Amino acid sequence: MSLAGVIAALDRAIDSALTEKRIIGCAVLLAEAGRVIHARHAGLADREANRPMQPGAWFRYASVSKPFTTVAALRLMDQGRLSPEDPVTRWLPDFTPRLPDGSQPLITIDQLMSHLAGLDYGFNQPEDGPYACAGVSDGIGDTGIPLAENLRRISSVPLDRLPGTRWRYSVATDVLGAVIEAATDMPLQEAMARLVTGPLGIEAAFSAADPARLAANYADGRPEPQRMRGLTRVDNPLTPGQTYSYLPARIFDPEAYPSGGGGMAGNAEAALTLLETLREGNFLSDRIRLEAHRNRIGDQRHPMRGPGWGHAWAGAVRATPERPQGSLPQGCLSWGGIYGHSWIVDPSRGRTLVALTNTAVEGMNGAFAVEIALATLA
């Protein structure tokens, strides 16, 4: 398929999702060889106000925050201020979660960045699971907890696996954010601005200064998605029994701790620029970029992506050369965000795709995300 065919396929996926009322609005950007070759802002940023989606519209990033925090850590590694081999306790002496037998295993920065630290997310657990009982925040569905207090709560829950042994998606990137604070001796908001968003000249932060530019958020529903008002719970269609909790007002709360794993907001243009630093360029050294792309889980089956996928510091990585129909090429990085986002970095073809929506979780786990990914496979 020609490049024109790829763009047409992207537009068909967007038009179909809007016509069928699976999403309310989106911003989809495709870059090739460092140049934006297609930008589509479609649908409504706010349905009730009849406000169209416009270039520069801000979205609550959810886990699109993770590559920002990762790049901040990579910058510190390039500067010799942080090492992947560092024990977390070098920077956070009080972060000492233990195994059920009472032993205190070593957790490294590498393991935090690889989601091999033995930590978890509350949505992976039963409603009355250990994280819920300890009041652990995931950085998206509640507010009013200082970062230090959330670290104390995380550390109070016994690890159920030895760090370094098995992959599990977790609050590890929030802990990494606290490490960055300690390594830079400044709040994460300021460290992010100094290390990443400021030098890149992009619009993304842990708070939203202009509500009029921020897209409203919607939850999957039929005949159409429902606007999120206050605390909203949405089932994950791919994992029966798994439910995500959202508090859209969190982004306006000055008391909300800066969640490195899910607490940022910004526009699609900023996300694309950030992801491009993971593909090429001199913002990161080639050495550290290659480390960020390297599969860290060996031949383990990726619990969330399945056969052929590994996990790198930068996100899930296509680890095998075999390409079943509909799969991304070897070396591709990919992840998403539970507010309704997905992204792909394809080094072999020099392409980066960002697809942000305001509809959860269709934009991340629904047909829209699948159709967008398939459109890039030409």
Protein backbone atom coordinates (compact mmCIF):
# COMPACT_ATOMS: atom_id res chain seq x y z
CA MET A 1 0.00 0.00 0.00
CA SER A 2 1.25 3.48 -0.83
CA LEU A 3 1.60 6.22 1.74
CA ALA A 4 -1.62 7.67 0.35
CA GLY A 5 -3.23 4.30 1.06
CA VAL A 6 -2.01 4.39 4.68
CA ILE A 7 -3.49 7.85 5.15
CA ALA A 8 -6.77 6.78 3.55
CA ALA A 9 -6.93 3.76 5.88
CA LEU A 10 -6.34 6.00 8.90
CA ASP A 11 -9.12 8.32 7.78
CA ARG A 12 -11.50 5.40 7.25
CA ALA A 13 -10.81 4.16 10.77
CA ILE A 14 -11.47 7.61 12.21
CA ASP A 15 -14.63 8.19 10.16
CA SER A 16 -16.02 4.78 11.04
CA ALA A 17 -15.44 5.22 14.78
CA LEU A 18 -17.11 8.64 14.75
CA THR A 19 -20.03 7.60 12.57
CA GLU A 20 -20.70 4.54 14.72
CA LYS A 21 -20.40 6.69 17.86
CA ARG A 22 -17.63 4.55 19.33
CA ILE A 23 -15.55 7.64 20.05
CA ILE A 24 -16.47 11.31 20.50
CA GLY A 25 -13.29 12.93 19.24
CA CYS A 26 -9.65 12.26 18.42
CA ALA A 27 -6.30 13.63 17.34
CA VAL A 28 -4.28 11.30 15.10
CA LEU A 29 -0.78 12.23 13.92
CA LEU A 30 1.51 10.19 11.68
CA ALA A 31 5.13 11.12 11.12
CA GLU A 32 7.61 9.56 8.70
CA ALA A 33 11.34 10.34 8.69
CA GLY A 34 10.73 13.08 11.23
CA ARG A 35 8.04 14.88 9.22
CA VAL A 36 4.33 14.93 10.02
CA ILE A 37 2.67 13.46 6.93
CA HIS A 38 -0.87 13.30 8.26
CA ALA A 39 -2.66 15.17 11.03
CA ARG A 40 -6.35 14.69 11.69
CA HIS A 41 -8.31 16.35 14.49
CA ALA A 42 -11.85 15.06 14.21
CA GLY A 43 -15.09 14.88 16.12
CA LEU A 44 -15.79 16.86 19.26
CA ALA A 45 -13.54 17.84 22.14
CA ASP A 46 -16.69 18.54 24.17
CA ARG A 47 -19.95 17.10 22.87
CA GLU A 48 -22.20 18.95 25.31
CA ALA A 49 -20.65 22.31 24.42
CA ASN A 50 -20.47 21.38 20.72
CA ARG A 51 -16.75 22.25 20.80
CA PRO A 52 -14.87 20.69 17.87
CA MET A 53 -11.55 18.95 18.25
CA GLN A 54 -8.83 21.39 17.20
CA PRO A 55 -5.05 21.16 16.69
CA GLY A 56 -3.33 21.69 20.03
CA ALA A 57 -6.24 20.30 22.06
CA TRP A 58 -5.11 18.86 25.38
CA PHE A 59 -5.92 15.35 26.59
CA ARG A 60 -5.49 13.65 29.93
CA TYR A 61 -2.62 11.36 28.97
CA ALA A 62 -3.00 8.49 31.46
CA SER A 63 -0.17 6.06 30.57
CA VAL A 64 1.03 8.23 27.71
CA SER A 65 2.71 9.91 30.70
CA LYS A 66 5.02 6.88 31.05
CA PRO A 67 7.28 7.57 28.06
CA PHE A 68 7.68 11.16 29.29
CA THR A 69 8.88 9.92 32.69
CA THR A 70 11.04 7.31 30.99
CA VAL A 71 12.71 9.91 28.78
CA ALA A 72 13.38 12.07 31.85
CA ALA A 73 15.16 9.09 33.44
CA LEU A 74 17.07 8.39 30.21
CA ARG A 75 18.26 11.99 30.13
CA LEU A 76 19.62 11.59 33.66
CA MET A 77 21.38 8.38 32.57
CA ASP A 78 22.94 10.20 29.62
CA GLN A 79 24.17 12.85 32.05
CA GLY A 80 25.66 10.22 34.38
CA ARG A 81 23.30 11.20 37.21
CA LEU A 82 21.32 7.95 37.29
CA SER A 83 22.19 4.32 36.56
CA PRO A 84 19.85 1.43 35.72
CA GLU A 85 21.83 -0.66 38.20
CA ASP A 86 21.15 1.72 41.08
CA PRO A 87 19.16 0.20 43.92
CA VAL A 88 15.97 2.17 44.39
CA THR A 89 16.97 2.61 48.03
CA ARG A 90 19.95 4.69 46.93
CA TRP A 91 17.42 7.39 46.06
CA LEU A 92 14.44 6.39 48.20
CA PRO A 93 15.86 4.88 51.40
CA ASP A 94 12.42 4.30 52.91
CA PHE A 95 11.04 2.43 49.89
CA THR A 96 11.56 -1.10 51.18
CA PRO A 97 8.71 -3.44 50.18
CA ARG A 98 9.22 -6.99 51.42
CA LEU A 99 8.32 -10.45 50.28
CA PRO A 100 5.73 -12.43 52.28
CA ASP A 101 8.54 -14.18 54.18
CA GLY A 102 9.75 -10.81 55.48
CA SER A 103 12.89 -10.65 53.36
CA GLN A 104 13.71 -7.36 51.61
CA PRO A 105 14.79 -7.95 48.01
CA LEU A 106 16.87 -5.53 45.98
CA ILE A 107 14.85 -3.49 43.46
CA THR A 108 16.78 -1.63 40.76
CA ILE A 109 15.96 1.31 38.51
CA ASP A 110 16.12 -1.10 35.57
CA GLN A 111 13.41 -3.23 37.17
CA LEU A 112 11.18 -0.21 37.77
CA MET A 113 11.52 0.83 34.13
CA SER A 114 10.93 -2.72 32.89
CA HIS A 115 7.88 -3.44 35.14
CA LEU A 116 9.87 -6.25 36.74
CA ALA A 117 9.90 -4.70 40.23
CA GLY A 118 7.33 -7.03 41.79
CA LEU A 119 4.79 -4.20 42.10
CA ASP A 120 1.21 -4.06 40.80
CA TYR A 121 -1.74 -1.86 39.87
CA GLY A 122 -4.90 -1.94 41.95
CA PHE A 123 -7.04 -2.62 38.88
CA ASN A 124 -5.18 -5.91 38.44
CA GLN A 125 -6.45 -7.01 41.85
CA PRO A 126 -9.87 -7.75 43.36
CA GLU A 127 -11.84 -4.76 44.65
CA ASP A 128 -10.79 -5.71 48.18
CA GLY A 129 -7.23 -6.57 47.16
CA PRO A 130 -4.09 -5.52 49.02
CA TYR A 131 -3.61 -2.25 47.13
CA ALA A 132 -7.21 -1.21 47.80
CA CYS A 133 -6.86 -2.09 51.48
CA ALA A 134 -3.65 -0.04 51.71
CA GLY A 135 -5.21 2.90 49.83
CA VAL A 136 -2.62 2.84 47.04
CA SER A 137 -3.35 5.42 44.33
CA ASP A 138 -2.80 4.66 40.65
CA GLY A 139 -2.44 8.38 39.88
CA ILE A 140 -5.67 8.59 37.87
CA GLY A 141 -8.75 7.72 39.93
CA ASP A 142 -8.23 9.67 43.15
CA THR A 143 -6.45 12.67 44.59
CA GLY A 144 -5.28 14.34 47.78
CA ILE A 145 -2.47 11.86 48.51
CA PRO A 146 1.12 13.19 48.59
CA LEU A 147 3.65 11.22 46.57
CA ALA A 148 5.63 10.30 49.70
CA GLU A 149 2.48 8.90 51.33
CA ASN A 150 1.62 6.87 48.25
CA LEU A 151 5.15 5.43 48.23
CA ARG A 152 4.69 4.47 51.89
CA ARG A 153 1.44 2.71 51.04
CA ILE A 154 2.97 0.87 48.08
CA SER A 155 5.91 -0.20 50.21
CA SER A 156 3.59 -1.50 52.94
CA VAL A 157 2.11 -4.16 50.64
CA PRO A 158 4.12 -7.40 50.39
CA LEU A 159 5.54 -8.22 46.98
CA ASP A 160 4.07 -11.41 45.57
CA ARG A 161 7.00 -12.10 43.26
CA LEU A 162 10.75 -11.66 43.43
CA PRO A 163 11.85 -8.54 41.52
CA GLY A 164 13.42 -9.39 38.19
CA THR A 165 11.53 -12.63 37.68
CA ARG A 166 8.18 -11.88 36.02
CA TRP A 167 6.67 -8.91 34.22
CA ARG A 168 3.58 -7.16 35.55
CA TYR A 169 2.17 -3.75 34.71
CA SER A 170 2.40 -1.61 37.81
CA VAL A 171 2.82 1.66 39.67
CA ALA A 172 6.58 1.32 39.11
CA THR A 173 6.67 4.43 36.91
CA ASP A 174 5.22 6.47 39.78
CA VAL A 175 8.09 5.20 41.92
CA LEU A 176 10.47 6.13 39.08
CA GLY A 177 9.05 9.65 39.22
CA ALA A 178 10.01 9.83 42.89
CA VAL A 179 13.52 8.62 42.01
CA ILE A 180 13.79 11.44 39.46
CA GLU A 181 12.76 13.90 42.17
CA ALA A 182 15.49 12.60 44.44
CA ALA A 183 18.15 12.51 41.71
CA THR A 184 17.42 16.10 40.64
CA ASP A 185 16.50 17.48 44.07
CA MET A 186 13.40 19.13 42.66
CA PRO A 187 9.68 18.30 42.33
CA LEU A 188 8.86 16.04 39.41
CA GLN A 189 6.89 18.82 37.72
CA GLU A 190 9.99 21.00 37.64
CA ALA A 191 12.33 18.15 36.74
CA MET A 192 10.10 17.22 33.79
CA ALA A 193 10.13 20.80 32.57
CA ARG A 194 13.92 21.09 32.94
CA LEU A 195 14.77 17.71 31.42
CA VAL A 196 12.10 17.11 28.79
CA THR A 197 9.26 19.47 27.96
CA GLY A 198 11.25 22.69 28.19
CA PRO A 199 14.18 21.61 25.99
CA LEU A 200 11.77 20.07 23.47
CA GLY A 201 9.51 23.13 23.51
CA ILE A 202 6.34 21.05 23.92
CA GLU A 203 3.06 21.46 25.80
CA ALA A 204 2.61 18.77 28.43
CA ALA A 205 2.48 18.98 32.22
CA PHE A 206 1.08 17.49 35.42
CA SER A 207 -1.67 20.11 35.48
CA ALA A 208 -3.88 21.79 32.90
CA ALA A 209 -3.69 25.57 32.98
CA ASP A 210 -6.45 26.22 30.44
CA PRO A 211 -9.62 24.10 30.87
CA ALA A 212 -10.98 25.49 27.60
CA ARG A 213 -8.27 23.59 25.69
CA LEU A 214 -8.77 20.31 27.51
CA ALA A 215 -10.95 17.65 25.90
CA ALA A 216 -13.86 16.34 27.97
CA ASN A 217 -13.80 12.63 28.74
CA TYR A 218 -16.33 9.94 27.89
CA ALA A 219 -16.92 6.34 28.92
CA ASP A 220 -17.85 3.55 26.51
CA GLY A 221 -21.60 3.24 26.13
CA ARG A 222 -24.40 2.43 23.73
CA PRO A 223 -26.02 4.01 21.82
CA GLU A 224 -23.21 6.49 22.50
CA PRO A 225 -20.46 7.12 25.04
CA GLN A 226 -21.42 8.81 28.30
CA ARG A 227 -19.67 11.88 29.67
CA MET A 228 -17.56 11.25 32.76
CA ARG A 229 -18.83 13.25 35.74
CA GLY A 230 -16.96 12.79 38.98
CA LEU A 231 -15.52 9.38 39.82
CA THR A 232 -16.30 7.07 36.90
CA ARG A 233 -15.69 3.34 36.63
CA VAL A 234 -15.32 1.66 33.24
CA ASP A 235 -14.92 -2.06 32.54
CA ASN A 236 -12.01 -3.25 30.43
CA PRO A 237 -13.64 -5.24 27.59
CA LEU A 238 -10.52 -7.36 27.10
CA THR A 239 -10.24 -8.51 30.72
CA PRO A 240 -13.52 -9.56 32.35
CA GLY A 241 -13.72 -8.33 35.93
CA GLN A 242 -11.08 -5.63 35.45
CA THR A 243 -12.38 -2.10 36.03
CA TYR A 244 -10.62 1.23 35.64
CA SER A 245 -11.46 4.23 37.84
CA TYR A 246 -11.24 7.79 36.53
CA LEU A 247 -11.38 11.16 38.22
CA PRO A 248 -11.08 13.72 35.39
CA ALA A 249 -10.99 16.65 37.86
CA ARG A 250 -7.66 15.36 39.22
CA ILE A 251 -5.73 17.29 36.58
CA PHE A 252 -6.99 20.56 38.12
CA ASP A 253 -6.19 19.66 41.74
CA PRO A 254 -2.98 21.33 42.97
CA GLU A 255 -2.82 18.75 45.77
CA ALA A 256 -2.73 15.79 43.36
CA TYR A 257 0.72 14.20 43.42
CA PRO A 258 2.59 14.14 40.08
CA SER A 259 2.00 10.61 38.85
CA GLY A 260 4.83 9.69 36.50
CA GLY A 261 2.79 6.73 35.31
CA GLY A 262 -0.51 8.44 34.56
CA GLY A 263 -0.85 12.01 35.78
CA MET A 264 0.17 14.19 32.84
CA ALA A 265 -1.88 16.03 30.23
CA GLY A 266 -0.88 17.60 26.96
CA ASN A 267 -1.56 17.67 23.26
CA ALA A 268 -0.98 15.05 20.59
CA GLU A 269 1.77 17.18 19.05
CA ALA A 270 3.76 17.01 22.30
CA ALA A 271 3.32 13.25 22.54
CA LEU A 272 4.53 12.82 18.96
CA THR A 273 7.61 14.95 19.56
CA LEU A 274 8.43 13.01 22.71
CA LEU A 275 8.03 9.63 21.02
CA GLU A 276 10.19 10.77 18.12
CA THR A 277 13.08 11.20 20.59
CA LEU A 278 12.80 7.47 21.22
CA ARG A 279 13.02 6.77 17.49
CA GLU A 280 16.02 8.89 16.52
CA GLY A 281 17.76 12.23 16.97
CA ASN A 282 20.30 13.70 19.35
CA PHE A 283 18.03 14.42 22.31
CA LEU A 284 19.12 11.02 23.65
CA SER A 285 22.41 9.30 22.94
CA ASP A 286 22.30 6.34 20.56
CA ARG A 287 23.59 4.13 23.37
CA ILE A 288 20.82 4.97 25.80
CA ARG A 289 18.16 4.88 23.08
CA LEU A 290 19.18 1.33 22.15
CA GLU A 291 18.96 0.36 25.81
CA ALA A 292 15.45 1.84 25.95
CA HIS A 293 14.40 -0.37 23.00
CA ARG A 294 15.85 -3.63 24.34
CA ASN A 295 13.47 -6.39 25.39
CA ARG A 296 13.84 -6.93 29.14
CA ILE A 297 11.62 -9.98 29.67
CA GLY A 298 13.37 -12.54 27.49
CA ASP A 299 11.06 -15.17 26.06
CA GLN A 300 8.34 -14.66 28.66
CA ARG A 301 4.88 -14.37 27.12
CA HIS A 302 3.79 -10.77 27.47
CA PRO A 303 0.65 -10.92 29.65
CA MET A 304 -0.98 -7.94 27.94
CA ARG A 305 0.33 -8.22 24.37
CA GLY A 306 0.69 -11.96 23.85
CA PRO A 307 3.14 -14.05 21.77
CA GLY A 308 5.94 -12.29 19.98
CA TRP A 309 5.95 -9.27 22.30
CA GLY A 310 8.51 -8.30 24.89
CA HIS A 311 8.77 -5.26 27.08
CA ALA A 312 11.42 -2.53 26.97
CA TRP A 313 11.97 0.56 29.09
CA ALA A 314 10.11 2.53 26.42
CA GLY A 315 7.06 0.25 26.19
CA ALA A 316 6.02 -3.05 24.66
CA VAL A 317 8.38 -4.12 21.89
CA ARG A 318 7.79 -6.55 19.04
CA ALA A 319 10.54 -9.02 19.85
CA THR A 320 10.34 -11.71 17.15
CA PRO A 321 10.85 -11.48 13.37
CA GLU A 322 7.79 -13.64 12.67
CA ARG A 323 4.87 -11.51 11.54
CA PRO A 324 1.47 -13.14 11.82
CA GLN A 325 -1.17 -11.37 9.78
CA GLY A 326 -2.02 -8.01 11.30
CA SER A 327 1.08 -7.78 13.50
CA LEU A 328 3.58 -4.93 13.72
CA PRO A 329 7.18 -5.42 12.47
CA GLN A 330 10.02 -6.53 14.72
CA GLY A 331 11.42 -3.68 16.79
CA CYS A 332 8.18 -1.69 16.94
CA LEU A 333 7.41 -0.03 20.26
CA SER A 334 3.81 0.42 21.31
CA TRP A 335 1.59 1.24 24.28
CA GLY A 336 -1.47 3.31 25.16
CA GLY A 337 -3.41 5.06 27.89
CA ILE A 338 -6.67 4.16 29.62
CA TYR A 339 -8.32 7.49 28.85
CA GLY A 340 -8.43 6.17 25.26
CA HIS A 341 -5.01 6.43 23.59
CA SER A 342 -2.52 4.38 21.60
CA TRP A 343 0.86 4.99 20.00
CA ILE A 344 3.38 3.16 17.80
CA VAL A 345 7.06 3.84 17.10
CA ASP A 346 8.33 1.89 14.08
CA PRO A 347 12.11 2.38 13.75
CA SER A 348 12.47 0.16 10.68
CA ARG A 349 10.20 2.37 8.60
CA GLY A 350 10.93 5.62 10.40
CA ARG A 351 7.29 6.06 11.42
CA THR A 352 5.64 7.27 14.60
CA LEU A 353 1.88 7.25 15.17
CA VAL A 354 -0.05 8.94 17.97
CA ALA A 355 -3.79 8.38 18.33
CA LEU A 356 -5.37 10.21 21.27
CA THR A 357 -9.13 10.05 21.87
CA ASN A 358 -11.43 11.30 24.60
CA THR A 359 -13.29 7.99 24.86
CA ALA A 360 -12.32 5.21 27.27
CA VAL A 361 -11.51 2.55 26.70
CA GLU A 362 -12.40 2.25 23.00
CA GLY A 363 -9.45 4.41 22.02
CA MET A 364 -7.03 2.04 23.75
CA ASN A 365 -8.56 -1.45 23.71
CA GLY A 366 -11.43 -1.21 21.23
CA ALA A 367 -11.80 -1.67 17.50
CA PHE A 368 -10.58 1.89 16.88
CA ALA A 369 -7.11 1.15 18.27
CA VAL A 370 -6.91 -2.06 16.23
CA GLU A 371 -8.01 -0.32 13.02
CA ILE A 372 -5.53 2.51 13.53
CA ALA A 373 -2.69 0.03 14.05
CA LEU A 374 -3.66 -2.01 10.99
CA ALA A 375 -3.67 1.14 8.88
CA THR A 376 0.04 1.66 9.59
CA LEU A 377 1.14 -1.80 8.45
CA ALA A 378 1.62 -0.97 4.79
